[in-house]
């Protein structure tokens, strides 16, 4: 299944003007958050993850972006782990979400940004009550 999303709008000039306007759409996300789930709101460098984790069912979802580019609503069950392979013009690599020590949500980054270096490592994500 291919999911597409436009993150930039381009407006043509008005009559008598010669300036095109490009603006990036705001990342509002597409996830619906279960009431009983804990919230995730985390970023590191150009990587932003906003979503939820349900400690009872291990259901997980994030609105994922890299360099301000919205990749989509990523969902799954963290008992199995959830991975995203990234192949963008300016960013390549992968992001993996997994459980550690029972109910801790961790992220493993291995993402190269052409103009900004390599973001690599394992990080524990803080969970917040909604």
Foldseek 3Di string as FASTA:
>chain_A
DDDDDDQKDWAQDDPPDHDIDIDGHDPPADDDADQQWWWFFDDDVQWTWTWTAHLVQQKTWTQIGGNSRTPHIFIDHQVVKGKDADDDPFKGDMKIWHDDPRRWIKIFAFMQGNVPGTDGDIDTTDTHND
